[in-house]
């Protein structure tokens, strides 16, 4: 985890809902340098030793930042859930649909989400995020991808559908407004997850359940995605990959339901924590 004011977050290891181990004297940040130098394995014994010795701190209502520093790139997979593809009326893709999201969209899990100027169709998407653990390209097999994954986290791939679908060009225009990628609250390493393809996912808007899905319906699993991406571009340590959303997005309703200023989004994934965002109007 990273806690503190924006731009001044400190790296910590969550022990439970009440306590954490401060790692700011050992780690500068959870960034490309950290992941690329085997940082997770390096801090494991530090966390274990300090926790055993009672060298823990209590959470005191600090802001929670994204659990990773701004990544080199945010890569996204579209239409990666069979039931979501069905609700949009689109065919199941033969291979992953790739688009990008500006890295400066990354914010904390409970930070405000701001609707951009000119927006008419702002939408939500609870997603499983992958954090890359080492520089990766041209993986030989899907099995090799497991070694490239540092961990998983909750993301909200906030979208502006009119920008995305009606303004021509690439999806990136509808995905890259400021605050459009809340992430966290924490990064969970693969060994702490029994089955990443059996995680329940949910999202509420103003207390109404909108998305209720599971990673079981993913078309392309995390290992396939990482292997596939490595054939086309270099993945850097700390990069974030958003892996798609289950059904229940606003554009899937009849009539569609769009976010409005004053709305509250709450979302989460089993074992990975939850988020809460207030929706603000344009600047």
C-alpha atoms as a PDB file:
ATOM      1  CA  UNK A   1       0.000   0.000   0.000  1.00  0.00           C
ATOM      2  CA  UNK A   2       0.878   3.669  -0.281  1.00  0.00           C
ATOM      3  CA  UNK A   3      -0.652   6.110   2.180  1.00  0.00           C
ATOM      4  CA  UNK A   4      -0.508   9.870   2.495  1.00  0.00           C
ATOM      5  CA  UNK A   5      -1.286  13.025   0.547  1.00  0.00           C
ATOM      6  CA  UNK A   6      -1.077  12.962  -3.270  1.00  0.00           C
ATOM      7  CA  UNK A   7       2.557  13.137  -4.303  1.00  0.00           C
ATOM      8  CA  UNK A   8       3.767  12.391  -0.777  1.00  0.00           C
ATOM      9  CA  UNK A   9       2.601   8.801  -0.289  1.00  0.00           C
ATOM     10  CA  UNK A  10       4.780   6.487   1.760  1.00  0.00           C
ATOM     11  CA  UNK A  11       5.164   2.765   1.060  1.00  0.00           C
ATOM     12  CA  UNK A  12       3.770   0.393   3.675  1.00  0.00           C
ATOM     13  CA  UNK A  13       2.828  -3.274   4.001  1.00  0.00           C
ATOM     14  CA  UNK A  14      -0.701  -3.867   5.277  1.00  0.00           C
ATOM     15  CA  UNK A  15      -0.888  -6.416   8.092  1.00  0.00           C
ATOM     16  CA  UNK A  16      -4.647  -6.212   8.655  1.00  0.00           C
ATOM     17  CA  UNK A  17      -7.413  -3.608   8.637  1.00  0.00           C
ATOM     18  CA  UNK A  18      -5.884  -1.842  11.653  1.00  0.00           C
ATOM     19  CA  UNK A  19      -2.119  -2.099  11.310  1.00  0.00           C
ATOM     20  CA  UNK A  20       0.738  -1.827   8.844  1.00  0.00           C
ATOM     21  CA  UNK A  21       4.517  -1.990   8.656  1.00  0.00           C
ATOM     22  CA  UNK A  22       6.161   1.254   7.561  1.00  0.00           C
ATOM     23  CA  UNK A  23       8.674   0.595   4.768  1.00  0.00           C
ATOM     24  CA  UNK A  24       9.594   4.191   3.978  1.00  0.00           C
ATOM     25  CA  UNK A  25      13.065   3.752   5.526  1.00  0.00           C
ATOM     26  CA  UNK A  26      13.713   0.759   3.255  1.00  0.00           C
ATOM     27  CA  UNK A  27      11.883   1.570   0.014  1.00  0.00           C
ATOM     28  CA  UNK A  28      11.677   4.870  -1.854  1.00  0.00           C
ATOM     29  CA  UNK A  29       8.421   3.939  -3.563  1.00  0.00           C
ATOM     30  CA  UNK A  30       6.600   1.055  -5.191  1.00  0.00           C
ATOM     31  CA  UNK A  31       7.779   2.049  -8.642  1.00  0.00           C
ATOM     32  CA  UNK A  32       9.644   0.722 -11.672  1.00  0.00           C
ATOM     33  CA  UNK A  33      12.931   0.582  -9.760  1.00  0.00           C
ATOM     34  CA  UNK A  34      11.337  -1.318  -6.864  1.00  0.00           C
ATOM     35  CA  UNK A  35       9.620  -3.976  -8.968  1.00  0.00           C
ATOM     36  CA  UNK A  36      12.492  -4.308 -11.419  1.00  0.00           C
ATOM     37  CA  UNK A  37      15.037  -4.985  -8.672  1.00  0.00           C
ATOM     38  CA  UNK A  38      13.114  -7.772  -6.935  1.00  0.00           C
ATOM     39  CA  UNK A  39      11.704  -5.397  -4.351  1.00  0.00           C
ATOM     40  CA  UNK A  40       8.840  -7.617  -3.215  1.00  0.00           C
ATOM     41  CA  UNK A  41      11.165 -10.479  -2.286  1.00  0.00           C
ATOM     42  CA  UNK A  42      13.533  -8.008  -0.635  1.00  0.00           C
ATOM     43  CA  UNK A  43      10.907  -6.544   1.719  1.00  0.00           C
ATOM     44  CA  UNK A  44       9.219  -9.840   2.671  1.00  0.00           C
ATOM     45  CA  UNK A  45      11.690 -10.676   5.478  1.00  0.00           C
ATOM     46  CA  UNK A  46      11.643  -7.046   6.642  1.00  0.00           C
ATOM     47  CA  UNK A  47       7.868  -7.135   7.010  1.00  0.00           C
ATOM     48  CA  UNK A  48       7.957 -10.506   8.759  1.00  0.00           C
ATOM     49  CA  UNK A  49      10.664  -9.390  11.202  1.00  0.00           C
ATOM     50  CA  UNK A  50       9.036  -6.086  12.063  1.00  0.00           C
ATOM     51  CA  UNK A  51       5.577  -7.580  12.464  1.00  0.00           C
ATOM     52  CA  UNK A  52       6.936 -10.297  14.782  1.00  0.00           C
ATOM     53  CA  UNK A  53       8.717  -7.651  16.859  1.00  0.00           C
ATOM     54  CA  UNK A  54       5.585  -5.541  17.146  1.00  0.00           C
ATOM     55  CA  UNK A  55       7.070  -2.746  15.045  1.00  0.00           C
ATOM     56  CA  UNK A  56       3.735  -1.889  13.470  1.00  0.00           C
ATOM     57  CA  UNK A  57       1.741   1.302  13.112  1.00  0.00           C
ATOM     58  CA  UNK A  58      -1.997   1.839  13.269  1.00  0.00           C
ATOM     59  CA  UNK A  59      -3.951   3.297  10.405  1.00  0.00           C
ATOM     60  CA  UNK A  60      -5.265   6.691  11.465  1.00  0.00           C
ATOM     61  CA  UNK A  61      -7.543   7.668   8.614  1.00  0.00           C
ATOM     62  CA  UNK A  62      -4.746   8.533   6.202  1.00  0.00           C
ATOM     63  CA  UNK A  63      -5.584   8.924   2.544  1.00  0.00           C
ATOM     64  CA  UNK A  64      -4.873   5.734   0.592  1.00  0.00           C
ATOM     65  CA  UNK A  65      -3.021   6.284  -2.650  1.00  0.00           C
ATOM     66  CA  UNK A  66      -2.773   3.916  -5.580  1.00  0.00           C
ATOM     67  CA  UNK A  67      -0.590   1.000  -4.409  1.00  0.00           C
ATOM     68  CA  UNK A  68       1.890   1.640  -7.212  1.00  0.00           C
ATOM     69  CA  UNK A  69       3.561   4.859  -8.307  1.00  0.00           C
ATOM     70  CA  UNK A  70       2.636   6.262 -11.718  1.00  0.00           C
ATOM     71  CA  UNK A  71       3.504   3.460 -14.161  1.00  0.00           C
ATOM     72  CA  UNK A  72       5.338   3.649 -17.448  1.00  0.00           C
ATOM     73  CA  UNK A  73       2.084   2.652 -19.155  1.00  0.00           C
ATOM     74  CA  UNK A  74      -1.474   1.544 -18.459  1.00  0.00           C
ATOM     75  CA  UNK A  75      -2.615  -1.116 -20.918  1.00  0.00           C
ATOM     76  CA  UNK A  76      -6.231  -2.231 -21.113  1.00  0.00           C
ATOM     77  CA  UNK A  77      -8.114  -5.202 -22.526  1.00  0.00           C
ATOM     78  CA  UNK A  78     -11.600  -4.642 -23.939  1.00  0.00           C
ATOM     79  CA  UNK A  79     -14.520  -7.053 -24.073  1.00  0.00           C
ATOM     80  CA  UNK A  80     -12.741  -9.662 -21.971  1.00  0.00           C
ATOM     81  CA  UNK A  81     -15.808 -11.118 -20.221  1.00  0.00           C
ATOM     82  CA  UNK A  82     -18.211 -13.313 -22.157  1.00  0.00           C
ATOM     83  CA  UNK A  83     -21.256 -11.934 -20.359  1.00  0.00           C
ATOM     84  CA  UNK A  84     -20.124  -8.325 -20.878  1.00  0.00           C
ATOM     85  CA  UNK A  85     -19.601  -8.902 -24.606  1.00  0.00           C
ATOM     86  CA  UNK A  86     -23.133 -10.317 -24.723  1.00  0.00           C
ATOM     87  CA  UNK A  87     -24.669  -7.268 -23.012  1.00  0.00           C
ATOM     88  CA  UNK A  88     -22.997  -4.940 -25.524  1.00  0.00           C
ATOM     89  CA  UNK A  89     -24.167  -7.055 -28.469  1.00  0.00           C
ATOM     90  CA  UNK A  90     -20.616  -7.594 -29.695  1.00  0.00           C
ATOM     91  CA  UNK A  91     -18.927 -10.825 -30.701  1.00  0.00           C
ATOM     92  CA  UNK A  92     -16.441 -12.522 -28.411  1.00  0.00           C
ATOM     93  CA  UNK A  93     -13.033 -11.426 -29.731  1.00  0.00           C
ATOM     94  CA  UNK A  94     -10.608 -13.930 -31.211  1.00  0.00           C
ATOM     95  CA  UNK A  95      -7.674 -12.289 -29.429  1.00  0.00           C
ATOM     96  CA  UNK A  96      -7.388  -9.577 -26.789  1.00  0.00           C
ATOM     97  CA  UNK A  97      -8.564  -6.108 -27.782  1.00  0.00           C
ATOM     98  CA  UNK A  98      -5.825  -3.734 -26.677  1.00  0.00           C
ATOM     99  CA  UNK A  99      -6.089  -0.037 -25.897  1.00  0.00           C
ATOM    100  CA  UNK A 100      -4.129   2.306 -23.688  1.00  0.00           C
ATOM    101  CA  UNK A 101      -4.990   4.703 -20.911  1.00  0.00           C
ATOM    102  CA  UNK A 102      -2.931   7.733 -19.963  1.00  0.00           C
ATOM    103  CA  UNK A 103      -0.757   6.937 -16.896  1.00  0.00           C
ATOM    104  CA  UNK A 104      -1.767  10.223 -15.265  1.00  0.00           C
ATOM    105  CA  UNK A 105      -5.322   8.903 -14.846  1.00  0.00           C
ATOM    106  CA  UNK A 106      -4.085   6.873 -11.858  1.00  0.00           C
ATOM    107  CA  UNK A 107      -5.544   7.971  -8.497  1.00  0.00           C
ATOM    108  CA  UNK A 108      -6.227   6.411  -5.120  1.00  0.00           C
ATOM    109  CA  UNK A 109      -9.132   4.033  -4.520  1.00  0.00           C
ATOM    110  CA  UNK A 110     -11.205   6.565  -2.602  1.00  0.00           C
ATOM    111  CA  UNK A 111     -10.240   9.726  -4.470  1.00  0.00           C
ATOM    112  CA  UNK A 112     -12.915  11.750  -6.258  1.00  0.00           C
ATOM    113  CA  UNK A 113     -13.702  10.958  -9.892  1.00  0.00           C
ATOM    114  CA  UNK A 114     -14.278  14.032 -12.043  1.00  0.00           C
ATOM    115  CA  UNK A 115     -16.520  14.036 -15.119  1.00  0.00           C
ATOM    116  CA  UNK A 116     -14.656  15.816 -17.956  1.00  0.00           C
ATOM    117  CA  UNK A 117     -15.867  18.828 -19.892  1.00  0.00           C
ATOM    118  CA  UNK A 118     -18.224  17.959 -22.738  1.00  0.00           C
ATOM    119  CA  UNK A 119     -19.062  14.573 -21.247  1.00  0.00           C
ATOM    120  CA  UNK A 120     -22.522  13.131 -21.884  1.00  0.00           C
ATOM    121  CA  UNK A 121     -22.038   9.406 -21.192  1.00  0.00           C
ATOM    122  CA  UNK A 122     -19.671   8.774 -18.243  1.00  0.00           C
ATOM    123  CA  UNK A 123     -19.595   5.127 -17.170  1.00  0.00           C
ATOM    124  CA  UNK A 124     -18.007   2.733 -14.678  1.00  0.00           C
ATOM    125  CA  UNK A 125     -16.099  -0.575 -14.938  1.00  0.00           C
ATOM    126  CA  UNK A 126     -14.833  -2.685 -12.029  1.00  0.00           C
ATOM    127  CA  UNK A 127     -11.772  -4.606 -13.205  1.00  0.00           C
ATOM    128  CA  UNK A 128      -8.958  -6.866 -12.088  1.00  0.00           C
ATOM    129  CA  UNK A 129      -5.627  -5.110 -12.559  1.00  0.00           C
ATOM    130  CA  UNK A 130      -2.258  -6.796 -13.118  1.00  0.00           C
ATOM    131  CA  UNK A 131       1.022  -5.197 -12.058  1.00  0.00           C
ATOM    132  CA  UNK A 132       4.085  -6.285 -14.034  1.00  0.00           C
ATOM    133  CA  UNK A 133       7.042  -7.393 -11.927  1.00  0.00           C
ATOM    134  CA  UNK A 134       9.945  -7.363 -14.366  1.00  0.00           C
ATOM    135  CA  UNK A 135      10.923  -6.140 -17.823  1.00  0.00           C
ATOM    136  CA  UNK A 136       9.212  -8.535 -20.180  1.00  0.00           C
ATOM    137  CA  UNK A 137       9.100  -9.137 -23.919  1.00  0.00           C
ATOM    138  CA  UNK A 138       8.598 -12.077 -26.278  1.00  0.00           C
ATOM    139  CA  UNK A 139       7.653 -14.631 -23.638  1.00  0.00           C
ATOM    140  CA  UNK A 140       8.010 -18.133 -25.049  1.00  0.00           C
ATOM    141  CA  UNK A 141       4.967 -19.661 -23.363  1.00  0.00           C
ATOM    142  CA  UNK A 142       1.867 -18.646 -21.434  1.00  0.00           C
ATOM    143  CA  UNK A 143       3.321 -20.421 -18.384  1.00  0.00           C
ATOM    144  CA  UNK A 144       6.269 -18.008 -18.441  1.00  0.00           C
ATOM    145  CA  UNK A 145       3.879 -15.118 -17.805  1.00  0.00           C
ATOM    146  CA  UNK A 146       3.387 -16.106 -14.159  1.00  0.00           C
ATOM    147  CA  UNK A 147       6.963 -15.064 -13.413  1.00  0.00           C
ATOM    148  CA  UNK A 148       6.281 -11.609 -14.848  1.00  0.00           C
ATOM    149  CA  UNK A 149       3.289 -10.791 -12.615  1.00  0.00           C
ATOM    150  CA  UNK A 150       4.034  -8.936  -9.367  1.00  0.00           C
ATOM    151  CA  UNK A 151       0.445  -8.910  -8.143  1.00  0.00           C
ATOM    152  CA  UNK A 152      -3.191  -7.966  -8.578  1.00  0.00           C
ATOM    153  CA  UNK A 153      -5.418  -5.089  -7.510  1.00  0.00           C
ATOM    154  CA  UNK A 154      -8.858  -3.547  -7.950  1.00  0.00           C
ATOM    155  CA  UNK A 155      -9.254  -0.872 -10.619  1.00  0.00           C
ATOM    156  CA  UNK A 156     -12.189   1.208 -11.827  1.00  0.00           C
ATOM    157  CA  UNK A 157     -11.755   1.771 -15.554  1.00  0.00           C
ATOM    158  CA  UNK A 158     -13.912   4.893 -15.667  1.00  0.00           C
ATOM    159  CA  UNK A 159     -14.978   5.652 -19.237  1.00  0.00           C
ATOM    160  CA  UNK A 160     -16.689   8.353 -21.290  1.00  0.00           C
ATOM    161  CA  UNK A 161     -18.667   6.404 -23.890  1.00  0.00           C
ATOM    162  CA  UNK A 162     -19.441   9.296 -26.233  1.00  0.00           C
ATOM    163  CA  UNK A 163     -15.735  10.157 -26.419  1.00  0.00           C
ATOM    164  CA  UNK A 164     -14.891   6.464 -26.781  1.00  0.00           C
ATOM    165  CA  UNK A 165     -17.475   5.346 -29.329  1.00  0.00           C
ATOM    166  CA  UNK A 166     -18.750   8.415 -31.153  1.00  0.00           C
ATOM    167  CA  UNK A 167     -15.769  10.725 -31.646  1.00  0.00           C
ATOM    168  CA  UNK A 168     -13.678   8.568 -33.999  1.00  0.00           C
ATOM    169  CA  UNK A 169     -10.140   7.339 -33.570  1.00  0.00           C
ATOM    170  CA  UNK A 170      -9.045   5.177 -30.679  1.00  0.00           C
ATOM    171  CA  UNK A 171     -10.766   4.299 -27.388  1.00  0.00           C
ATOM    172  CA  UNK A 172      -8.021   6.133 -25.494  1.00  0.00           C
ATOM    173  CA  UNK A 173      -9.971   9.409 -25.834  1.00  0.00           C
ATOM    174  CA  UNK A 174     -12.816   8.022 -23.752  1.00  0.00           C
ATOM    175  CA  UNK A 175     -10.535   6.466 -21.179  1.00  0.00           C
ATOM    176  CA  UNK A 176      -7.932   9.076 -20.291  1.00  0.00           C
ATOM    177  CA  UNK A 177      -9.638  11.965 -18.498  1.00  0.00           C
ATOM    178  CA  UNK A 178      -8.113  12.951 -15.160  1.00  0.00           C
ATOM    179  CA  UNK A 179      -9.047  10.621 -12.249  1.00  0.00           C
ATOM    180  CA  UNK A 180     -10.311   7.923 -14.653  1.00  0.00           C
ATOM    181  CA  UNK A 181      -8.276   5.067 -13.096  1.00  0.00           C
ATOM    182  CA  UNK A 182      -8.816   4.649  -9.339  1.00  0.00           C
ATOM    183  CA  UNK A 183      -6.596   1.768  -8.173  1.00  0.00           C
ATOM    184  CA  UNK A 184      -6.146  -0.149  -4.937  1.00  0.00           C
ATOM    185  CA  UNK A 185      -6.453  -0.103  -1.995  1.00  0.00           C
ATOM    186  CA  UNK A 186      -3.583  -2.599  -1.970  1.00  0.00           C
ATOM    187  CA  UNK A 187      -1.505  -4.817  -4.223  1.00  0.00           C
ATOM    188  CA  UNK A 188      -1.918  -8.537  -3.520  1.00  0.00           C
ATOM    189  CA  UNK A 189       0.892 -10.874  -4.541  1.00  0.00           C
ATOM    190  CA  UNK A 190      -0.099 -14.029  -6.477  1.00  0.00           C
ATOM    191  CA  UNK A 191       0.789 -16.376  -3.613  1.00  0.00           C
ATOM    192  CA  UNK A 192      -1.917 -14.770  -1.479  1.00  0.00           C
ATOM    193  CA  UNK A 193      -4.706 -15.618  -3.944  1.00  0.00           C
ATOM    194  CA  UNK A 194      -6.087 -19.164  -4.068  1.00  0.00           C
ATOM    195  CA  UNK A 195      -7.529 -18.826  -7.574  1.00  0.00           C
ATOM    196  CA  UNK A 196      -7.409 -15.566  -9.497  1.00  0.00           C
ATOM    197  CA  UNK A 197     -10.057 -16.989 -11.835  1.00  0.00           C
ATOM    198  CA  UNK A 198     -12.612 -17.419  -9.034  1.00  0.00           C
ATOM    199  CA  UNK A 199     -12.897 -13.912  -7.628  1.00  0.00           C
ATOM    200  CA  UNK A 200     -16.278 -12.249  -7.152  1.00  0.00           C
ATOM    201  CA  UNK A 201     -16.516  -8.656  -8.416  1.00  0.00           C
ATOM    202  CA  UNK A 202     -19.127  -6.006  -7.708  1.00  0.00           C
ATOM    203  CA  UNK A 203     -19.932  -2.333  -8.210  1.00  0.00           C
ATOM    204  CA  UNK A 204     -22.725  -0.183  -6.749  1.00  0.00           C
ATOM    205  CA  UNK A 205     -23.844   3.287  -7.774  1.00  0.00           C
ATOM    206  CA  UNK A 206     -25.683   5.176  -5.037  1.00  0.00           C
ATOM    207  CA  UNK A 207     -26.224   1.909  -3.185  1.00  0.00           C
ATOM    208  CA  UNK A 208     -27.753   0.123  -6.189  1.00  0.00           C
ATOM    209  CA  UNK A 209     -25.911  -2.979  -7.369  1.00  0.00           C
ATOM    210  CA  UNK A 210     -24.948  -2.465 -11.007  1.00  0.00           C
ATOM    211  CA  UNK A 211     -22.174  -5.002 -11.578  1.00  0.00           C
ATOM    212  CA  UNK A 212     -22.166  -8.455 -10.013  1.00  0.00           C
ATOM    213  CA  UNK A 213     -19.700 -10.740 -11.739  1.00  0.00           C
ATOM    214  CA  UNK A 214     -16.753 -13.066 -11.401  1.00  0.00           C
ATOM    215  CA  UNK A 215     -13.363 -13.527 -12.991  1.00  0.00           C
ATOM    216  CA  UNK A 216     -14.582 -17.014 -13.984  1.00  0.00           C
ATOM    217  CA  UNK A 217     -16.143 -15.503 -17.102  1.00  0.00           C
ATOM    218  CA  UNK A 218     -12.924 -13.934 -18.383  1.00  0.00           C
ATOM    219  CA  UNK A 219     -12.227 -14.845 -21.994  1.00  0.00           C
ATOM    220  CA  UNK A 220      -8.453 -14.377 -21.763  1.00  0.00           C
ATOM    221  CA  UNK A 221      -6.883 -15.097 -18.372  1.00  0.00           C
ATOM    222  CA  UNK A 222      -4.076 -12.956 -16.845  1.00  0.00           C
ATOM    223  CA  UNK A 223      -1.277 -15.243 -18.018  1.00  0.00           C
ATOM    224  CA  UNK A 224      -2.567 -15.358 -21.574  1.00  0.00           C
ATOM    225  CA  UNK A 225      -2.897 -11.561 -21.581  1.00  0.00           C
ATOM    226  CA  UNK A 226       0.655 -10.946 -20.361  1.00  0.00           C
ATOM    227  CA  UNK A 227       2.091 -13.481 -22.824  1.00  0.00           C
ATOM    228  CA  UNK A 228       0.062 -11.945 -25.651  1.00  0.00           C
ATOM    229  CA  UNK A 229       1.080  -8.366 -24.856  1.00  0.00           C
ATOM    230  CA  UNK A 230       4.739  -9.370 -24.662  1.00  0.00           C
ATOM    231  CA  UNK A 231       4.673 -10.315 -28.341  1.00  0.00           C
ATOM    232  CA  UNK A 232       3.896  -6.732 -29.376  1.00  0.00           C
ATOM    233  CA  UNK A 233       5.547  -4.417 -26.847  1.00  0.00           C
ATOM    234  CA  UNK A 234       7.939  -4.331 -23.916  1.00  0.00           C
ATOM    235  CA  UNK A 235       6.289  -4.495 -20.501  1.00  0.00           C
ATOM    236  CA  UNK A 236       8.180  -2.525 -17.875  1.00  0.00           C
ATOM    237  CA  UNK A 237       8.292  -3.221 -14.110  1.00  0.00           C
ATOM    238  CA  UNK A 238       5.377  -1.489 -12.426  1.00  0.00           C
ATOM    239  CA  UNK A 239       3.240  -1.315 -15.570  1.00  0.00           C
ATOM    240  CA  UNK A 240      -0.497  -1.725 -14.997  1.00  0.00           C
ATOM    241  CA  UNK A 241      -2.771  -3.904 -17.112  1.00  0.00           C
ATOM    242  CA  UNK A 242      -6.546  -3.532 -16.735  1.00  0.00           C
ATOM    243  CA  UNK A 243      -8.104  -6.823 -17.785  1.00  0.00           C
ATOM    244  CA  UNK A 244     -11.726  -6.009 -18.630  1.00  0.00           C
ATOM    245  CA  UNK A 245     -15.057  -5.820 -16.850  1.00  0.00           C
ATOM    246  CA  UNK A 246     -18.067  -8.080 -16.184  1.00  0.00           C
ATOM    247  CA  UNK A 247     -21.606  -7.075 -17.218  1.00  0.00           C
ATOM    248  CA  UNK A 248     -23.547  -4.228 -15.654  1.00  0.00           C
ATOM    249  CA  UNK A 249     -21.845  -1.171 -17.097  1.00  0.00           C
ATOM    250  CA  UNK A 250     -24.045   1.867 -17.623  1.00  0.00           C
ATOM    251  CA  UNK A 251     -24.177   1.581 -21.401  1.00  0.00           C
ATOM    252  CA  UNK A 252     -25.531  -1.971 -21.049  1.00  0.00           C
ATOM    253  CA  UNK A 253     -28.836  -0.891 -19.499  1.00  0.00           C
ATOM    254  CA  UNK A 254     -32.016  -0.043 -21.402  1.00  0.00           C
ATOM    255  CA  UNK A 255     -32.135   2.908 -21.303  1.00  0.00           C
ATOM    256  CA  UNK A 256     -28.455   3.489 -20.487  1.00  0.00           C
ATOM    257  CA  UNK A 257     -27.531   4.796 -17.052  1.00  0.00           C
ATOM    258  CA  UNK A 258     -24.758   7.390 -16.883  1.00  0.00           C
ATOM    259  CA  UNK A 259     -22.829   8.834 -13.977  1.00  0.00           C
ATOM    260  CA  UNK A 260     -23.824  12.264 -12.707  1.00  0.00           C
ATOM    261  CA  UNK A 261     -22.209  14.743 -10.303  1.00  0.00           C
ATOM    262  CA  UNK A 262     -23.072  13.730  -6.747  1.00  0.00           C
ATOM    263  CA  UNK A 263     -23.152   9.999  -7.493  1.00  0.00           C
ATOM    264  CA  UNK A 264     -21.162   7.599  -5.321  1.00  0.00           C
ATOM    265  CA  UNK A 265     -19.458   4.516  -6.752  1.00  0.00           C
ATOM    266  CA  UNK A 266     -18.529   1.627  -4.442  1.00  0.00           C
ATOM    267  CA  UNK A 267     -16.770  -1.431  -5.845  1.00  0.00           C
ATOM    268  CA  UNK A 268     -14.505  -4.305  -4.961  1.00  0.00           C
ATOM    269  CA  UNK A 269     -13.095  -7.738  -5.688  1.00  0.00           C
ATOM    270  CA  UNK A 270     -13.029 -10.579  -3.171  1.00  0.00           C
ATOM    271  CA  UNK A 271      -9.695 -10.612  -1.331  1.00  0.00           C
ATOM    272  CA  UNK A 272      -8.415  -7.486  -3.075  1.00  0.00           C
ATOM    273  CA  UNK A 273     -10.317  -4.853  -1.117  1.00  0.00           C
ATOM    274  CA  UNK A 274     -12.866  -2.191  -2.021  1.00  0.00           C
ATOM    275  CA  UNK A 275     -13.083   1.375  -3.285  1.00  0.00           C
ATOM    276  CA  UNK A 276     -15.426   4.336  -2.866  1.00  0.00           C
ATOM    277  CA  UNK A 277     -15.491   7.402  -5.120  1.00  0.00           C
ATOM    278  CA  UNK A 278     -17.577  10.565  -5.129  1.00  0.00           C
ATOM    279  CA  UNK A 279     -18.368  11.805  -8.636  1.00  0.00           C
ATOM    280  CA  UNK A 280     -17.696  15.494  -9.302  1.00  0.00           C
ATOM    281  CA  UNK A 281     -18.739  17.704 -12.186  1.00  0.00           C
ATOM    282  CA  UNK A 282     -16.355  19.250 -14.725  1.00  0.00           C
ATOM    283  CA  UNK A 283     -13.824  21.856 -13.657  1.00  0.00           C
END
